[in-house]
Amino acid sequence: MPRIPATPAAGNRDNIYLPLAAAQTFKIGAAVLMDGSQNIAECGADPASIYGFAAGAATKDPQDATKQIVYKAFEGQKFWMQTSVAPAASNRGVNYGITKDADGIWYVDFTKTAGVARMYVHDIDTDTVRVLVSVLAANRQIAP
């Protein structure tokens, strides 16, 4: 079954419209960072710095294919993300890493813990195999 891309939890109003870095091909919900030129680019594996999650696929914005809306990962902002396996109550209150699957969709990876944990799990939804997460303070990118 295909995964659902990351989406902000209800109440998110802190979005930003930014130019894309060169040669971006990410999908909706991708973990992104801001480069030194204030362009957004998809994060690499086990990202130490996360600016937010893409509201759309790279180059697919109908108004300007060189820009994309980003849901910023500010303090207190929560996102719904799918997981590597069905979540359980024991996943609440635990830090995990994130991984991009073969289809280009980012998800919370319960096999990634110490050393590569980037997300804190606030709650779980067993019906949709998703967790409510926030980016750990140490991994939130501060805008230049």
N, C-alpha and C. Protein backbone atom coordinates (compact mmCIF):
# COMPACT_ATOMS: atom_id res chain seq x y z
N MET A 1 0.84 -1.18 0.00
CA MET A 1 0.00 0.00 0.00
C MET A 1 0.89 1.25 0.00
N PRO A 2 0.63 2.20 -0.89
CA PRO A 2 1.45 3.42 -0.93
C PRO A 2 1.27 4.25 0.34
N ARG A 3 2.32 4.94 0.71
CA ARG A 3 2.27 5.80 1.89
C ARG A 3 1.62 7.14 1.56
N ILE A 4 1.08 7.78 2.59
CA ILE A 4 0.51 9.13 2.48
C ILE A 4 1.62 10.11 2.85
N PRO A 5 1.82 11.19 2.08
CA PRO A 5 2.87 12.17 2.41
C PRO A 5 2.61 12.86 3.74
N ALA A 6 3.67 13.42 4.33
CA ALA A 6 3.56 14.18 5.57
C ALA A 6 2.62 15.37 5.37
N THR A 7 1.78 15.61 6.37
CA THR A 7 0.86 16.74 6.33
C THR A 7 0.88 17.43 7.69
N PRO A 8 0.71 18.75 7.70
CA PRO A 8 0.70 19.44 8.99
C PRO A 8 -0.58 19.14 9.76
N ALA A 9 -0.48 19.15 11.06
CA ALA A 9 -1.66 18.96 11.91
C ALA A 9 -2.54 20.20 11.79
N ALA A 10 -3.77 20.08 12.19
CA ALA A 10 -4.72 21.19 12.12
C ALA A 10 -4.16 22.42 12.82
N GLY A 11 -4.45 23.55 12.25
CA GLY A 11 -4.04 24.80 12.87
C GLY A 11 -2.74 25.37 12.35
N ASN A 12 -2.02 24.65 11.47
CA ASN A 12 -0.77 25.19 10.95
C ASN A 12 -1.06 26.40 10.07
N ARG A 13 -0.44 27.50 10.39
CA ARG A 13 -0.60 28.70 9.59
C ARG A 13 0.76 29.30 9.21
N ASP A 14 1.83 28.65 9.56
CA ASP A 14 3.15 29.20 9.30
C ASP A 14 3.78 28.52 8.08
N ASN A 15 3.29 28.90 6.90
CA ASN A 15 3.81 28.37 5.65
C ASN A 15 4.61 29.47 4.98
N ILE A 16 5.52 29.07 4.12
CA ILE A 16 6.34 30.05 3.42
C ILE A 16 6.54 29.59 1.98
N TYR A 17 6.53 30.54 1.07
CA TYR A 17 6.68 30.28 -0.37
C TYR A 17 8.12 30.61 -0.72
N LEU A 18 8.91 29.59 -1.09
CA LEU A 18 10.34 29.78 -1.31
C LEU A 18 10.77 29.28 -2.68
N PRO A 19 11.86 29.86 -3.20
CA PRO A 19 12.41 29.36 -4.46
C PRO A 19 13.07 27.99 -4.25
N LEU A 20 13.06 27.19 -5.30
CA LEU A 20 13.70 25.88 -5.26
C LEU A 20 15.18 25.98 -5.58
N ALA A 21 15.98 25.16 -4.94
CA ALA A 21 17.38 25.00 -5.34
C ALA A 21 17.38 24.29 -6.70
N ALA A 22 18.49 24.33 -7.38
CA ALA A 22 18.58 23.72 -8.71
C ALA A 22 18.34 22.21 -8.67
N ALA A 23 17.72 21.70 -9.72
CA ALA A 23 17.56 20.26 -9.98
C ALA A 23 16.78 19.51 -8.90
N GLN A 24 15.76 20.12 -8.32
CA GLN A 24 14.95 19.44 -7.30
C GLN A 24 13.86 18.59 -7.94
N THR A 25 13.67 17.39 -7.40
CA THR A 25 12.67 16.46 -7.93
C THR A 25 11.82 15.84 -6.82
N PHE A 26 11.81 16.44 -5.64
CA PHE A 26 11.11 15.84 -4.51
C PHE A 26 9.60 15.80 -4.72
N LYS A 27 8.96 14.95 -3.92
CA LYS A 27 7.50 14.79 -3.96
C LYS A 27 6.86 15.56 -2.81
N ILE A 28 5.54 15.68 -2.87
CA ILE A 28 4.79 16.33 -1.81
C ILE A 28 5.12 15.66 -0.46
N GLY A 29 5.24 16.47 0.57
CA GLY A 29 5.54 15.96 1.90
C GLY A 29 7.00 15.70 2.17
N ALA A 30 7.88 16.06 1.22
CA ALA A 30 9.31 15.82 1.40
C ALA A 30 9.89 16.66 2.53
N ALA A 31 10.82 16.09 3.26
CA ALA A 31 11.57 16.84 4.25
C ALA A 31 12.53 17.75 3.48
N VAL A 32 12.50 19.05 3.79
CA VAL A 32 13.33 20.00 3.06
C VAL A 32 14.15 20.86 4.02
N LEU A 33 15.21 21.45 3.47
CA LEU A 33 16.03 22.38 4.22
C LEU A 33 16.24 23.62 3.36
N MET A 34 16.72 24.67 3.97
CA MET A 34 17.01 25.91 3.25
C MET A 34 18.53 25.99 3.08
N ASP A 35 18.97 26.24 1.84
CA ASP A 35 20.40 26.34 1.60
C ASP A 35 20.88 27.76 1.89
N GLY A 36 22.16 28.01 1.71
CA GLY A 36 22.75 29.31 2.00
C GLY A 36 22.20 30.45 1.16
N SER A 37 21.57 30.12 0.03
CA SER A 37 20.96 31.13 -0.84
C SER A 37 19.47 31.30 -0.58
N GLN A 38 18.98 30.71 0.48
CA GLN A 38 17.57 30.73 0.89
C GLN A 38 16.66 30.06 -0.13
N ASN A 39 17.17 29.01 -0.78
CA ASN A 39 16.39 28.15 -1.65
C ASN A 39 16.11 26.87 -0.89
N ILE A 40 15.03 26.17 -1.25
CA ILE A 40 14.77 24.92 -0.56
C ILE A 40 15.23 23.73 -1.41
N ALA A 41 15.70 22.74 -0.70
CA ALA A 41 16.17 21.50 -1.32
C ALA A 41 15.74 20.34 -0.44
N GLU A 42 15.56 19.19 -1.04
CA GLU A 42 15.20 18.01 -0.27
C GLU A 42 16.35 17.60 0.63
N CYS A 43 16.02 17.18 1.83
CA CYS A 43 17.03 16.71 2.78
C CYS A 43 17.66 15.41 2.28
N GLY A 44 18.87 15.15 2.73
CA GLY A 44 19.52 13.88 2.45
C GLY A 44 19.11 12.86 3.50
N ALA A 45 19.65 11.68 3.40
CA ALA A 45 19.36 10.60 4.35
C ALA A 45 19.73 11.03 5.77
N ASP A 46 18.91 10.63 6.74
CA ASP A 46 19.13 10.96 8.14
C ASP A 46 19.45 12.44 8.34
N PRO A 47 18.55 13.33 7.92
CA PRO A 47 18.85 14.76 7.94
C PRO A 47 19.06 15.31 9.34
N ALA A 48 20.17 16.00 9.52
CA ALA A 48 20.45 16.63 10.80
C ALA A 48 19.73 17.96 10.92
N SER A 49 19.30 18.52 9.78
CA SER A 49 18.65 19.81 9.75
C SER A 49 17.41 19.74 8.86
N ILE A 50 16.25 20.10 9.43
CA ILE A 50 14.99 20.06 8.70
C ILE A 50 14.31 21.43 8.84
N TYR A 51 14.07 22.08 7.71
CA TYR A 51 13.38 23.37 7.71
C TYR A 51 11.87 23.17 7.78
N GLY A 52 11.40 22.11 7.11
CA GLY A 52 9.98 21.81 7.10
C GLY A 52 9.66 20.72 6.10
N PHE A 53 8.39 20.69 5.66
CA PHE A 53 7.92 19.67 4.72
C PHE A 53 7.23 20.36 3.55
N ALA A 54 7.50 19.87 2.35
CA ALA A 54 6.98 20.48 1.14
C ALA A 54 5.47 20.29 1.02
N ALA A 55 4.77 21.37 0.68
CA ALA A 55 3.32 21.32 0.49
C ALA A 55 2.95 20.76 -0.88
N GLY A 56 3.92 20.66 -1.76
CA GLY A 56 3.69 20.13 -3.10
C GLY A 56 4.96 19.53 -3.66
N ALA A 57 4.85 18.96 -4.83
CA ALA A 57 6.01 18.37 -5.49
C ALA A 57 6.85 19.47 -6.14
N ALA A 58 8.16 19.27 -6.18
CA ALA A 58 9.07 20.23 -6.82
C ALA A 58 8.68 20.44 -8.27
N THR A 59 8.74 21.68 -8.71
CA THR A 59 8.46 22.15 -10.08
C THR A 59 6.99 21.98 -10.48
N LYS A 60 6.10 21.68 -9.56
CA LYS A 60 4.70 21.46 -9.91
C LYS A 60 3.77 22.58 -9.44
N ASP A 61 4.31 23.66 -8.87
CA ASP A 61 3.46 24.75 -8.43
C ASP A 61 2.83 25.40 -9.66
N PRO A 62 1.50 25.52 -9.70
CA PRO A 62 0.84 26.05 -10.90
C PRO A 62 1.12 27.53 -11.17
N GLN A 63 1.51 28.28 -10.16
CA GLN A 63 1.79 29.70 -10.36
C GLN A 63 3.23 29.96 -10.74
N ASP A 64 4.15 29.17 -10.19
CA ASP A 64 5.57 29.37 -10.47
C ASP A 64 6.31 28.06 -10.20
N ALA A 65 6.73 27.40 -11.26
CA ALA A 65 7.39 26.09 -11.14
C ALA A 65 8.77 26.17 -10.48
N THR A 66 9.26 27.38 -10.22
CA THR A 66 10.57 27.52 -9.58
C THR A 66 10.44 27.75 -8.08
N LYS A 67 9.20 27.66 -7.55
CA LYS A 67 8.96 27.88 -6.12
C LYS A 67 8.07 26.79 -5.56
N GLN A 68 8.02 26.72 -4.23
CA GLN A 68 7.16 25.75 -3.56
C GLN A 68 6.82 26.25 -2.16
N ILE A 69 5.63 25.91 -1.70
CA ILE A 69 5.21 26.24 -0.33
C ILE A 69 5.81 25.20 0.61
N VAL A 70 6.30 25.66 1.75
CA VAL A 70 6.87 24.78 2.77
C VAL A 70 6.10 24.99 4.07
N TYR A 71 5.71 23.87 4.69
CA TYR A 71 5.15 23.90 6.04
C TYR A 71 6.34 23.93 6.99
N LYS A 72 6.56 25.07 7.63
CA LYS A 72 7.74 25.24 8.48
C LYS A 72 7.66 24.38 9.74
N ALA A 73 8.79 23.84 10.13
CA ALA A 73 8.89 22.99 11.33
C ALA A 73 9.31 23.84 12.52
N PHE A 74 8.49 24.80 12.88
CA PHE A 74 8.79 25.66 14.01
C PHE A 74 8.47 24.93 15.32
N GLU A 75 8.89 25.49 16.43
CA GLU A 75 8.63 24.90 17.74
C GLU A 75 7.13 24.74 17.95
N GLY A 76 6.71 23.56 18.33
CA GLY A 76 5.31 23.28 18.60
C GLY A 76 4.51 22.83 17.38
N GLN A 77 5.06 22.95 16.18
CA GLN A 77 4.33 22.52 14.99
C GLN A 77 4.37 21.00 14.89
N LYS A 78 3.22 20.41 14.65
CA LYS A 78 3.12 18.96 14.55
C LYS A 78 2.70 18.55 13.15
N PHE A 79 3.15 17.37 12.76
CA PHE A 79 2.87 16.82 11.44
C PHE A 79 2.37 15.38 11.58
N TRP A 80 1.47 14.98 10.69
CA TRP A 80 1.07 13.59 10.60
C TRP A 80 1.97 12.93 9.56
N MET A 81 2.61 11.82 9.95
CA MET A 81 3.46 11.08 9.03
C MET A 81 3.19 9.59 9.17
N GLN A 82 3.31 8.88 8.08
CA GLN A 82 3.17 7.43 8.13
C GLN A 82 4.43 6.82 8.74
N THR A 83 4.38 5.53 9.01
CA THR A 83 5.45 4.87 9.74
C THR A 83 5.94 3.63 9.00
N SER A 84 7.05 3.11 9.47
CA SER A 84 7.65 1.92 8.86
C SER A 84 6.81 0.67 9.12
N VAL A 85 6.17 0.60 10.27
CA VAL A 85 5.26 -0.49 10.64
C VAL A 85 4.11 0.12 11.42
N ALA A 86 3.06 -0.64 11.64
CA ALA A 86 1.91 -0.12 12.37
C ALA A 86 2.33 0.42 13.74
N PRO A 87 1.91 1.65 14.07
CA PRO A 87 2.29 2.21 15.37
C PRO A 87 1.54 1.54 16.52
N ALA A 88 2.16 1.59 17.68
CA ALA A 88 1.57 1.03 18.90
C ALA A 88 1.69 2.08 20.00
N ALA A 89 0.96 1.88 21.07
CA ALA A 89 1.00 2.82 22.19
C ALA A 89 2.42 3.02 22.71
N SER A 90 3.25 2.02 22.61
CA SER A 90 4.64 2.12 23.09
C SER A 90 5.48 3.09 22.27
N ASN A 91 5.00 3.53 21.10
CA ASN A 91 5.74 4.49 20.28
C ASN A 91 5.54 5.93 20.74
N ARG A 92 4.49 6.18 21.54
CA ARG A 92 4.25 7.54 22.05
C ARG A 92 5.40 7.96 22.97
N GLY A 93 5.80 9.21 22.83
CA GLY A 93 6.83 9.75 23.70
C GLY A 93 8.24 9.30 23.36
N VAL A 94 8.44 8.75 22.16
CA VAL A 94 9.75 8.24 21.75
C VAL A 94 10.24 9.04 20.54
N ASN A 95 11.56 9.18 20.42
CA ASN A 95 12.19 9.85 19.28
C ASN A 95 12.60 8.83 18.24
N TYR A 96 12.34 9.15 16.95
CA TYR A 96 12.70 8.26 15.85
C TYR A 96 13.27 9.07 14.69
N GLY A 97 13.93 8.38 13.79
CA GLY A 97 14.44 8.99 12.57
C GLY A 97 13.40 8.96 11.47
N ILE A 98 13.74 9.54 10.33
CA ILE A 98 12.86 9.50 9.16
C ILE A 98 13.63 8.93 7.98
N THR A 99 12.89 8.34 7.06
CA THR A 99 13.46 7.69 5.88
C THR A 99 12.59 8.01 4.68
N LYS A 100 13.21 8.06 3.51
CA LYS A 100 12.46 8.24 2.26
C LYS A 100 12.33 6.87 1.61
N ASP A 101 11.09 6.47 1.26
CA ASP A 101 10.90 5.16 0.65
C ASP A 101 11.21 5.18 -0.85
N ALA A 102 11.09 4.05 -1.50
CA ALA A 102 11.42 3.91 -2.92
C ALA A 102 10.53 4.78 -3.81
N ASP A 103 9.36 5.16 -3.30
CA ASP A 103 8.45 6.03 -4.05
C ASP A 103 8.70 7.51 -3.78
N GLY A 104 9.69 7.82 -2.94
CA GLY A 104 10.01 9.22 -2.65
C GLY A 104 9.20 9.84 -1.54
N ILE A 105 8.51 9.02 -0.74
CA ILE A 105 7.69 9.53 0.37
C ILE A 105 8.44 9.33 1.69
N TRP A 106 8.52 10.40 2.48
CA TRP A 106 9.19 10.35 3.77
C TRP A 106 8.26 9.77 4.83
N TYR A 107 8.81 8.96 5.73
CA TYR A 107 8.03 8.35 6.81
C TYR A 107 8.87 8.23 8.06
N VAL A 108 8.20 8.07 9.21
CA VAL A 108 8.89 7.86 10.49
C VAL A 108 9.34 6.41 10.53
N ASP A 109 10.63 6.23 10.77
CA ASP A 109 11.23 4.90 10.74
C ASP A 109 11.51 4.43 12.16
N PHE A 110 10.70 3.48 12.63
CA PHE A 110 10.84 3.00 14.00
C PHE A 110 12.14 2.23 14.25
N THR A 111 12.88 1.91 13.21
CA THR A 111 14.18 1.23 13.41
C THR A 111 15.29 2.23 13.67
N LYS A 112 15.03 3.51 13.45
CA LYS A 112 16.05 4.55 13.66
C LYS A 112 15.79 5.25 14.98
N THR A 113 16.71 5.06 15.91
CA THR A 113 16.54 5.68 17.22
C THR A 113 17.79 6.47 17.59
N ALA A 114 18.55 6.03 18.53
CA ALA A 114 19.70 6.77 19.03
C ALA A 114 20.64 7.18 17.89
N GLY A 115 21.06 8.43 17.92
CA GLY A 115 22.01 8.93 16.94
C GLY A 115 21.40 9.49 15.67
N VAL A 116 20.25 8.97 15.25
CA VAL A 116 19.61 9.46 14.02
C VAL A 116 18.14 9.85 14.26
N ALA A 117 17.73 9.94 15.51
CA ALA A 117 16.36 10.34 15.82
C ALA A 117 16.19 11.82 15.47
N ARG A 118 15.11 12.14 14.74
CA ARG A 118 14.83 13.51 14.30
C ARG A 118 13.44 13.98 14.70
N MET A 119 12.54 13.03 15.02
CA MET A 119 11.15 13.33 15.28
C MET A 119 10.72 12.79 16.65
N TYR A 120 9.83 13.53 17.31
CA TYR A 120 9.25 13.10 18.58
C TYR A 120 7.81 12.70 18.31
N VAL A 121 7.40 11.51 18.76
CA VAL A 121 6.04 11.02 18.53
C VAL A 121 5.15 11.47 19.69
N HIS A 122 4.13 12.29 19.34
CA HIS A 122 3.17 12.78 20.32
C HIS A 122 1.99 11.83 20.48
N ASP A 123 1.53 11.30 19.33
CA ASP A 123 0.34 10.45 19.37
C ASP A 123 0.38 9.51 18.17
N ILE A 124 -0.52 8.53 18.17
CA ILE A 124 -0.57 7.54 17.09
C ILE A 124 -1.99 7.45 16.54
N ASP A 125 -2.10 6.98 15.31
CA ASP A 125 -3.40 6.70 14.69
C ASP A 125 -3.25 5.34 14.01
N THR A 126 -3.76 4.31 14.66
CA THR A 126 -3.61 2.96 14.12
C THR A 126 -4.45 2.72 12.88
N ASP A 127 -5.52 3.49 12.69
CA ASP A 127 -6.38 3.32 11.51
C ASP A 127 -5.67 3.72 10.23
N THR A 128 -4.91 4.80 10.28
CA THR A 128 -4.22 5.29 9.08
C THR A 128 -2.72 4.99 9.08
N VAL A 129 -2.26 4.27 10.11
CA VAL A 129 -0.84 3.91 10.26
C VAL A 129 0.02 5.18 10.21
N ARG A 130 -0.41 6.18 11.00
CA ARG A 130 0.32 7.43 11.08
C ARG A 130 0.61 7.80 12.52
N VAL A 131 1.57 8.69 12.68
CA VAL A 131 1.89 9.24 13.99
C VAL A 131 1.91 10.76 13.91
N LEU A 132 1.57 11.39 15.02
CA LEU A 132 1.63 12.84 15.13
C LEU A 132 3.00 13.18 15.70
N VAL A 133 3.81 13.88 14.93
CA VAL A 133 5.20 14.12 15.32
C VAL A 133 5.57 15.60 15.23
N SER A 134 6.67 15.94 15.87
CA SER A 134 7.28 17.25 15.70
C SER A 134 8.78 17.02 15.51
N VAL A 135 9.41 17.96 14.83
CA VAL A 135 10.85 17.88 14.60
C VAL A 135 11.55 18.25 15.91
N LEU A 136 12.52 17.43 16.31
CA LEU A 136 13.27 17.71 17.54
C LEU A 136 13.96 19.06 17.45
N ALA A 137 14.05 19.77 18.56
CA ALA A 137 14.64 21.11 18.58
C ALA A 137 16.04 21.11 17.97
N ALA A 138 16.83 20.11 18.26
CA ALA A 138 18.20 20.04 17.74
C ALA A 138 18.25 19.87 16.23
N ASN A 139 17.14 19.47 15.63
CA ASN A 139 17.11 19.23 14.19
C ASN A 139 16.29 20.24 13.41
N ARG A 140 15.69 21.22 14.10
CA ARG A 140 14.97 22.27 13.39
C ARG A 140 15.96 23.28 12.85
N GLN A 141 15.89 23.55 11.55
CA GLN A 141 16.80 24.52 10.94
C GLN A 141 16.30 25.93 11.26
N ILE A 142 17.20 26.75 11.67
CA ILE A 142 16.86 28.14 11.95
C ILE A 142 17.04 28.91 10.65
N ALA A 143 16.04 29.68 10.25
CA ALA A 143 16.12 30.43 9.00
C ALA A 143 17.28 31.41 9.05
N PRO A 144 18.02 31.53 7.95
CA PRO A 144 19.15 32.48 7.93
C PRO A 144 18.69 33.92 8.03
